[in-house]
Protein backbone atom coordinates (compact mmCIF):
# COMPACT_ATOMS: atom_id res chain seq x y z
CA MET A 1 -0.03 -0.01 0.06
CA VAL A 2 2.95 2.37 0.65
CA LEU A 3 4.22 1.76 -3.00
CA ARG A 4 0.78 2.16 -4.38
CA GLY A 5 0.45 5.40 -2.53
CA LEU A 6 3.75 6.71 -3.86
CA ASN A 7 2.68 5.87 -7.35
CA ALA A 8 -0.76 7.55 -7.08
CA ARG A 9 -1.31 10.16 -9.72
CA ARG A 10 -2.49 12.89 -7.45
CA SER A 11 -2.74 15.52 -10.07
CA ARG A 12 -4.68 13.02 -12.36
CA PRO A 13 -6.63 10.60 -10.08
CA ASP A 14 -8.76 7.88 -11.76
CA LEU A 15 -11.97 9.42 -10.72
CA LYS A 16 -13.98 6.97 -12.83
CA ALA A 17 -12.53 3.91 -11.16
CA LEU A 18 -13.07 5.47 -7.72
CA GLU A 19 -16.68 6.41 -8.56
CA ASN A 20 -17.39 2.74 -9.70
CA GLU A 21 -15.83 1.19 -6.61
CA THR A 22 -18.57 -0.34 -4.49
CA ASP A 23 -16.53 -2.33 -1.95
CA ALA A 24 -16.08 -0.09 1.19
CA GLU A 25 -12.84 -1.48 2.28
CA ARG A 26 -11.30 -1.13 -1.19
CA PHE A 27 -12.60 2.34 -1.58
CA VAL A 28 -11.02 3.56 1.70
CA TRP A 29 -7.62 2.31 0.67
CA ALA A 30 -7.98 3.40 -2.88
CA ILE A 31 -8.95 6.98 -2.18
CA LEU A 32 -6.75 7.38 0.83
CA PRO A 33 -3.36 8.14 -1.04
CA HIS A 34 -5.10 10.82 -3.05
CA ALA A 35 -7.00 12.43 -0.14
CA ALA A 36 -4.28 12.17 2.46
CA ARG A 37 -1.25 12.74 0.22
CA SER A 38 1.87 12.43 2.42
CA PHE A 39 -0.15 11.52 5.50
CA ALA A 40 -1.17 8.23 3.67
CA ALA A 41 2.22 6.58 4.13
CA SER A 42 2.23 7.15 7.83
CA ILE A 43 -1.32 5.75 8.10
CA VAL A 44 -0.70 2.59 6.14
CA VAL A 45 2.47 1.55 8.02
CA LEU A 46 0.59 1.39 11.22
CA PRO A 47 -0.72 -1.94 12.63
CA ARG A 48 -3.81 -3.10 10.84
CA ARG A 49 -6.35 -2.14 13.57
CA GLU A 50 -4.97 1.31 14.13
CA SER A 51 -4.32 1.87 10.47
CA ARG A 52 -8.10 1.22 9.63
CA ILE A 53 -9.24 3.55 12.40
CA ALA A 54 -6.79 6.28 11.45
CA ALA A 55 -7.68 6.02 7.65
CA VAL A 56 -11.38 6.32 8.40
CA ALA A 57 -10.83 9.19 10.76
CA TYR A 58 -8.68 11.03 8.29
CA LEU A 59 -11.28 10.69 5.52
CA TYR A 60 -14.01 12.17 7.71
CA ALA A 61 -11.69 15.00 8.54
CA ARG A 62 -10.99 15.39 4.79
CA MET A 63 -14.70 15.79 4.25
CA LEU A 64 -14.84 18.73 6.77
CA ASP A 65 -11.84 20.28 4.94
CA THR A 66 -13.73 20.01 1.64
CA TYR A 67 -16.73 21.94 3.01
CA GLU A 68 -14.35 24.50 4.52
CA ASP A 69 -12.49 24.92 1.17
CA LEU A 70 -15.27 24.75 -1.33
CA LEU A 71 -18.55 26.03 0.23
CA PRO A 72 -18.76 29.69 -1.19
CA CYS A 73 -21.08 31.00 1.52
CA GLU A 74 -19.17 31.63 4.64
CA SER A 75 -22.34 32.12 6.77
CA GLU A 76 -23.54 28.60 5.84
CA ARG A 77 -20.34 26.82 6.63
CA PRO A 78 -20.59 26.36 10.47
CA ALA A 79 -23.93 24.70 10.32
CA THR A 80 -22.83 22.44 7.47
CA LEU A 81 -19.65 21.47 9.24
CA ARG A 82 -21.55 20.68 12.45
CA ALA A 83 -24.12 18.69 10.59
CA CYS A 84 -21.36 16.64 8.95
CA ALA A 85 -20.02 15.72 12.24
CA ALA A 86 -23.19 15.06 14.04
CA ARG A 87 -24.27 12.43 11.52
CA LEU A 88 -21.71 10.06 12.96
CA LYS A 89 -23.66 9.84 16.28
CA VAL A 90 -27.00 8.94 14.98
CA THR A 91 -28.55 5.98 13.10
CA PRO A 92 -29.60 5.67 10.39
CA ARG A 93 -26.84 7.82 9.01
CA ALA A 94 -27.86 10.19 6.24
CA LEU A 95 -25.28 11.26 3.64
CA PRO A 96 -23.49 14.58 4.10
CA ALA A 97 -24.83 17.60 2.41
CA PRO A 98 -23.86 17.53 -1.34
CA ILE A 99 -21.47 20.18 -2.82
CA PRO A 100 -22.07 21.33 -6.40
CA ASP A 101 -19.52 19.90 -8.84
CA SER A 102 -19.28 23.36 -10.36
CA LEU A 103 -17.29 24.61 -7.25
CA ALA A 104 -14.32 22.31 -8.03
CA ILE A 105 -11.38 24.07 -9.49
CA ASP A 106 -9.08 21.15 -10.26
CA ALA A 107 -8.88 17.38 -10.08
CA ARG A 108 -7.97 17.41 -6.36
CA ASP A 109 -11.15 19.28 -5.61
CA ARG A 110 -13.19 16.81 -7.71
CA LEU A 111 -11.65 13.89 -5.84
CA HIS A 112 -12.71 15.40 -2.49
CA LEU A 113 -16.18 15.97 -3.81
CA LEU A 114 -16.35 12.26 -4.83
CA LEU A 115 -15.33 11.42 -1.29
CA VAL A 116 -18.23 13.35 0.21
CA GLN A 117 -20.60 11.81 -2.39
CA LYS A 118 -19.47 8.25 -1.41
CA ALA A 119 -19.36 8.82 2.33
CA ASP A 120 -21.56 5.78 2.78
CA LEU A 121 -18.67 3.54 1.89
CA VAL A 122 -16.51 5.16 4.56
CA ASP A 123 -19.45 4.81 6.93
CA ALA A 124 -19.60 1.05 6.30
CA VAL A 125 -16.08 0.61 7.44
CA TYR A 126 -16.76 2.89 10.39
CA SER A 127 -19.71 0.71 11.22
CA THR A 128 -17.37 -2.32 11.74
CA PHE A 129 -15.51 -0.60 14.69
CA THR A 130 -16.42 -1.09 18.36
CA SER A 131 -18.69 1.49 19.94
CA GLY A 132 -15.75 3.00 21.80
CA GLN A 133 -13.79 3.37 18.54
CA GLN A 134 -16.62 4.98 16.81
CA LEU A 135 -17.25 7.37 19.68
CA ALA A 136 -13.41 8.39 19.58
CA ILE A 137 -13.68 9.16 15.88
CA ALA A 138 -17.07 10.95 16.23
CA ASN A 139 -15.67 13.07 19.11
CA LEU A 140 -12.64 13.92 16.97
CA VAL A 141 -14.70 15.02 13.98
CA GLU A 142 -17.02 16.99 16.35
CA SER A 143 -14.21 18.87 17.81
CA MET A 144 -12.70 19.64 14.44
CA ALA A 145 -16.06 20.78 13.10
CA GLU A 146 -16.37 23.19 16.02
CA GLY A 147 -12.90 24.57 15.40
CA MET A 148 -13.45 24.95 11.67
CA ALA A 149 -16.74 26.68 12.38
CA TRP A 150 -14.80 29.14 14.52
CA SER A 151 -12.27 29.65 11.74
CA SER A 152 -15.13 30.22 9.18
CA LYS A 153 -16.60 32.85 11.41
CA ARG A 154 -13.25 34.71 11.63
CA PHE A 155 -12.83 34.64 7.96
CA GLU A 156 -16.37 35.98 7.48
CA ASP A 157 -16.03 38.75 10.00
CA GLN A 158 -12.55 39.73 8.94
CA GLY A 159 -12.97 39.90 5.22
CA GLY A 160 -11.38 36.57 4.44
CA VAL A 161 -8.21 37.08 6.45
CA LEU A 162 -6.81 35.87 9.76
CA ILE A 163 -5.58 38.99 11.45
CA ASP A 164 -2.66 37.72 13.72
CA ASP A 165 -0.54 34.67 14.59
CA ALA A 166 -2.75 33.86 17.47
CA GLN A 167 -5.64 33.19 15.07
CA LEU A 168 -3.22 31.32 12.74
CA PHE A 169 -2.04 28.99 15.42
CA ARG A 170 -5.60 28.41 16.67
CA TYR A 171 -6.64 27.44 13.12
CA CYS A 172 -3.68 25.00 12.84
CA ARG A 173 -4.67 23.39 16.18
CA ASN A 174 -8.27 23.06 14.99
CA VAL A 175 -7.27 21.31 11.83
CA ILE A 176 -4.25 19.15 12.90
CA GLY A 177 -4.02 19.55 16.67
CA TYR A 178 -7.14 17.40 17.50
CA PRO A 179 -6.07 14.66 15.14
CA ALA A 180 -2.59 14.65 16.70
CA LEU A 181 -4.01 14.13 20.20
CA PHE A 182 -6.32 11.47 18.74
CA ALA A 183 -3.38 9.62 17.21
CA ILE A 184 -1.43 9.56 20.32
CA GLU A 185 -4.35 8.09 22.40
CA LEU A 186 -4.97 5.68 19.61
CA LEU A 187 -1.41 4.34 19.54
CA THR A 188 -0.66 4.52 23.37
CA GLY A 189 -4.09 4.07 25.00
CA SER A 190 -3.55 7.30 27.01
CA VAL A 191 -3.77 10.96 26.43
CA ALA A 192 -0.63 13.13 25.73
CA SER A 193 1.17 14.04 28.88
CA GLU A 194 2.59 17.21 27.28
CA PRO A 195 -0.19 18.42 24.98
CA ASP A 196 1.69 21.66 24.21
CA ASP A 197 4.27 19.75 22.18
CA ALA A 198 1.60 17.88 20.31
CA LEU A 199 -0.13 21.18 19.37
CA ALA A 200 3.05 22.93 18.39
CA THR A 201 3.89 19.82 16.18
CA ALA A 202 0.43 20.32 14.77
CA GLU A 203 1.15 23.89 13.88
CA MET A 204 4.29 22.82 12.10
CA ILE A 205 2.53 20.23 10.08
CA GLN A 206 -0.46 22.36 9.18
CA LEU A 207 1.76 25.18 8.14
CA ALA A 208 3.03 22.97 5.40
CA ASN A 209 -0.53 22.91 3.89
CA ILE A 210 -0.80 26.66 4.22
CA THR A 211 2.57 27.49 2.70
CA ARG A 212 1.85 25.15 -0.29
CA ASP A 213 -1.61 26.62 -1.19
CA ILE A 214 -1.18 30.37 -0.64
CA GLU A 215 -1.94 31.17 -4.26
CA LYS A 216 -4.85 28.77 -4.45
CA ASP A 217 -6.34 30.06 -1.22
CA LEU A 218 -6.03 33.75 -2.37
CA SER A 219 -7.92 32.85 -5.55
CA ARG A 220 -10.68 31.71 -3.33
CA GLY A 221 -10.65 34.84 -1.23
CA ILE A 222 -8.81 33.45 1.84
CA ALA A 223 -5.55 34.46 3.41
CA TYR A 224 -3.75 33.39 6.55
CA ASP A 225 -1.68 36.49 6.85
CA PRO A 226 -2.99 40.01 7.09
CA LYS A 227 -0.37 41.28 4.66
CA LEU A 228 -2.18 39.38 1.94
CA ARG A 229 -5.52 41.23 2.34
CA PRO A 230 -4.97 43.63 -0.59
CA HIS A 231 -4.12 40.62 -2.74
CA LEU A 232 -7.19 38.55 -2.31
CA GLY A 233 -8.11 37.24 -5.74
CA ALA A 234 -5.00 38.74 -7.36
CA PRO A 235 -1.84 37.57 -5.66
CA SER A 236 1.39 39.67 -5.87
CA ALA A 237 4.40 37.37 -6.36
CA SER A 238 6.75 39.46 -4.20
CA VAL A 239 4.29 39.71 -1.30
CA VAL A 240 3.42 35.95 -1.45
CA ARG A 241 7.12 35.22 -1.33
CA ASP A 242 7.59 37.34 1.76
CA VAL A 243 4.69 35.71 3.47
CA ARG A 244 5.71 32.19 2.46
CA GLU A 245 9.19 32.91 3.93
CA ARG A 246 7.75 34.19 7.24
CA LEU A 247 5.49 31.18 7.65
CA LEU A 248 8.30 28.94 6.85
CA GLY A 249 10.31 30.40 9.71
CA LEU A 250 7.37 29.92 12.05
CA ALA A 251 7.16 26.28 11.02
CA LEU A 252 10.84 25.60 11.48
CA SER A 253 10.83 27.21 14.92
CA ARG A 254 8.51 24.36 16.05
CA ALA A 255 10.73 21.49 14.89
CA GLN A 256 12.14 20.58 18.36
CA SER A 257 8.55 20.17 19.59
CA TYR A 258 8.33 17.14 17.27
CA ARG A 259 11.40 15.68 18.85
CA ARG A 260 10.22 16.12 22.38
CA LEU A 261 6.79 14.65 21.49
CA TYR A 262 8.36 11.58 20.05
CA ALA A 263 10.45 11.14 23.19
CA GLU A 264 7.37 11.54 25.40
CA VAL A 265 5.27 8.91 23.52
CA ASP A 266 6.42 5.45 24.23
CA LEU A 267 6.61 3.54 20.85
CA ARG A 268 9.39 1.17 21.82
CA ARG A 269 7.25 -1.92 21.11
CA ARG A 270 5.32 -0.36 18.24
CA PRO A 271 7.45 -0.63 15.06
CA GLY A 272 4.64 0.48 12.70
CA ALA A 273 4.03 3.57 14.89
CA ARG A 274 7.74 4.41 14.94
CA ALA A 275 7.93 4.18 11.25
CA ALA A 276 4.79 6.37 10.87
CA ALA A 277 6.38 9.09 13.04
CA VAL A 278 9.61 9.08 11.15
CA LEU A 279 7.71 9.12 7.75
CA MET A 280 5.55 12.07 8.89
CA LEU A 281 8.61 14.13 9.87
CA LEU A 282 10.49 13.18 6.76
CA PHE A 283 7.64 14.19 4.39
CA THR A 284 7.19 17.44 6.34
CA ASP A 285 10.94 18.03 6.00
CA LEU A 286 10.77 17.31 2.21
CA HIS A 287 7.97 19.81 1.85
CA TYR A 288 9.75 22.59 3.73
CA ARG A 289 12.98 22.06 1.70
CA SER A 290 10.90 22.65 -1.48
CA MET A 291 9.27 25.73 0.20
CA ALA A 292 12.86 26.98 0.87
CA ARG A 293 13.61 26.65 -2.82
CA ARG A 294 10.42 28.49 -3.73
CA VAL A 295 11.44 31.62 -1.73
CA GLY A 296 15.04 31.60 -3.09
CA LEU A 297 16.79 29.92 -0.15
CA GLU A 298 19.42 27.13 -0.28
CA PRO A 299 17.60 24.07 1.08
CA TRP A 300 19.35 21.96 3.82
CA ARG A 301 20.35 18.39 3.30
CA GLY A 302 17.82 15.58 3.28
CA PRO A 303 16.31 12.60 1.28
CA ARG A 304 15.32 13.61 -2.31
CA GLY A 305 11.97 12.57 -3.53
CA LYS A 306 9.11 10.33 -2.18
CA PHE A 307 10.70 6.87 -2.74
CA VAL A 308 13.99 7.88 -1.13
CA THR A 309 12.12 9.34 1.76
CA VAL A 310 10.29 6.06 2.39
CA LEU A 311 13.47 4.10 1.99
CA THR A 312 15.15 6.33 4.61
CA ALA A 313 12.30 5.64 7.19
CA LEU A 314 12.16 1.89 6.69
CA PRO A 315 15.01 0.96 9.12
CA SER A 316 12.89 2.44 12.00
CA LEU A 317 10.58 -0.57 11.69
CA LEU A 318 13.54 -2.73 13.02
CA SER A 319 15.43 -0.34 15.18
CA ARG A 320 14.20 1.92 18.07
CA ARG A 321 17.64 3.53 18.04
CA TYR A 322 17.53 4.34 14.41
CA ALA A 323 14.16 5.94 14.74
CA SER A 324 15.29 8.20 17.54
CA TRP A 325 18.43 9.06 15.65
CA ALA A 326 16.53 9.88 12.56
CA ILE A 327 14.09 12.20 14.39
CA LYS A 328 16.96 13.89 16.17
CA ARG A 329 18.92 14.43 12.96
CA VAL A 330 15.95 15.88 10.94
CA THR A 331 14.58 18.14 13.78
CA THR A 332 18.10 19.44 14.37
CA ARG A 333 18.48 20.43 10.72
CA LEU A 334 15.00 21.95 10.60
CA ALA A 335 15.72 24.02 13.74
CA ALA A 336 19.08 25.15 12.37
CA ALA A 337 17.46 26.22 9.13
CA GLY A 338 14.87 28.11 11.22
CA ARG A 339 17.55 30.02 13.07
CA ASP A 340 19.44 30.89 9.86
CA LEU A 341 16.22 32.12 8.30
CA GLU A 342 15.44 34.25 11.43
CA SER A 343 18.85 35.72 11.32
CA ALA A 344 18.61 36.56 7.56
CA ARG A 345 15.18 38.21 7.99
CA SER A 346 16.38 40.30 10.89
């Protein structure tokens, strides 16, 4: 499944094959690499039970993201997000509210619309879980929906822009922070002892999505930095570059939180979870090296490309020491790059 995910044509997904898929289990694993992108590799290397739970939870979260990204009426989003979450706690389960196909900008959007349309197949896998597992997923999705409703209200009230870093970090925690805490409890059976590190790690990971999609978000009238307000719908390359560089610095400054979080979570007897943690960090590092190039900076050293990234993570399946060493090495490089960037900007 890792190899299939690496070979997935994310820019040209086979929408017809996914649309025609009727087997729930096959649909979940077929659409996951397209919907989850680099997250998919970290999900599929988990032990089978945790992997199925994480995959379904992620796809529900992706449905929420689709409403947040594509619904044009900001005032309608909070109620729609909450309704999408609430359906998981009732039976029979109605399909989520449809989103018009005309709102899709590209193939990635169309794939996400297809996921919403075929939510009943994800529901079928969800229904095989224990009541406790279902409740954990439903609570996660509910928390995320509330967080996204807050974000939608801020965007509506503030002309499509988050006005400061406090709002930016709260947005990141709403989108990735809750899943991070969910994943820790799923893998360890207990809540995070140091949630601040989990939430700072979530900020670092979500800033990857934000830095990647600045231009696309601007075209939709959304910005995560107040400097971009005059450029909604018409991005300025120089301003976007400056904002992307600033956000890159914010992300890199959180790298050591990932190292501390890994040390706090006991994965000594969980080789799949160890590999998932290393993969997540390596793919995040790969992204930020590409962002450094986009803003004209010299990227730091690291594995090149998706296949080499996966190969670099594989020894962590066999060695706890290698996993710890890999995470220390990558977070040290990220933190050093962040300090260099901060010095250059000052």
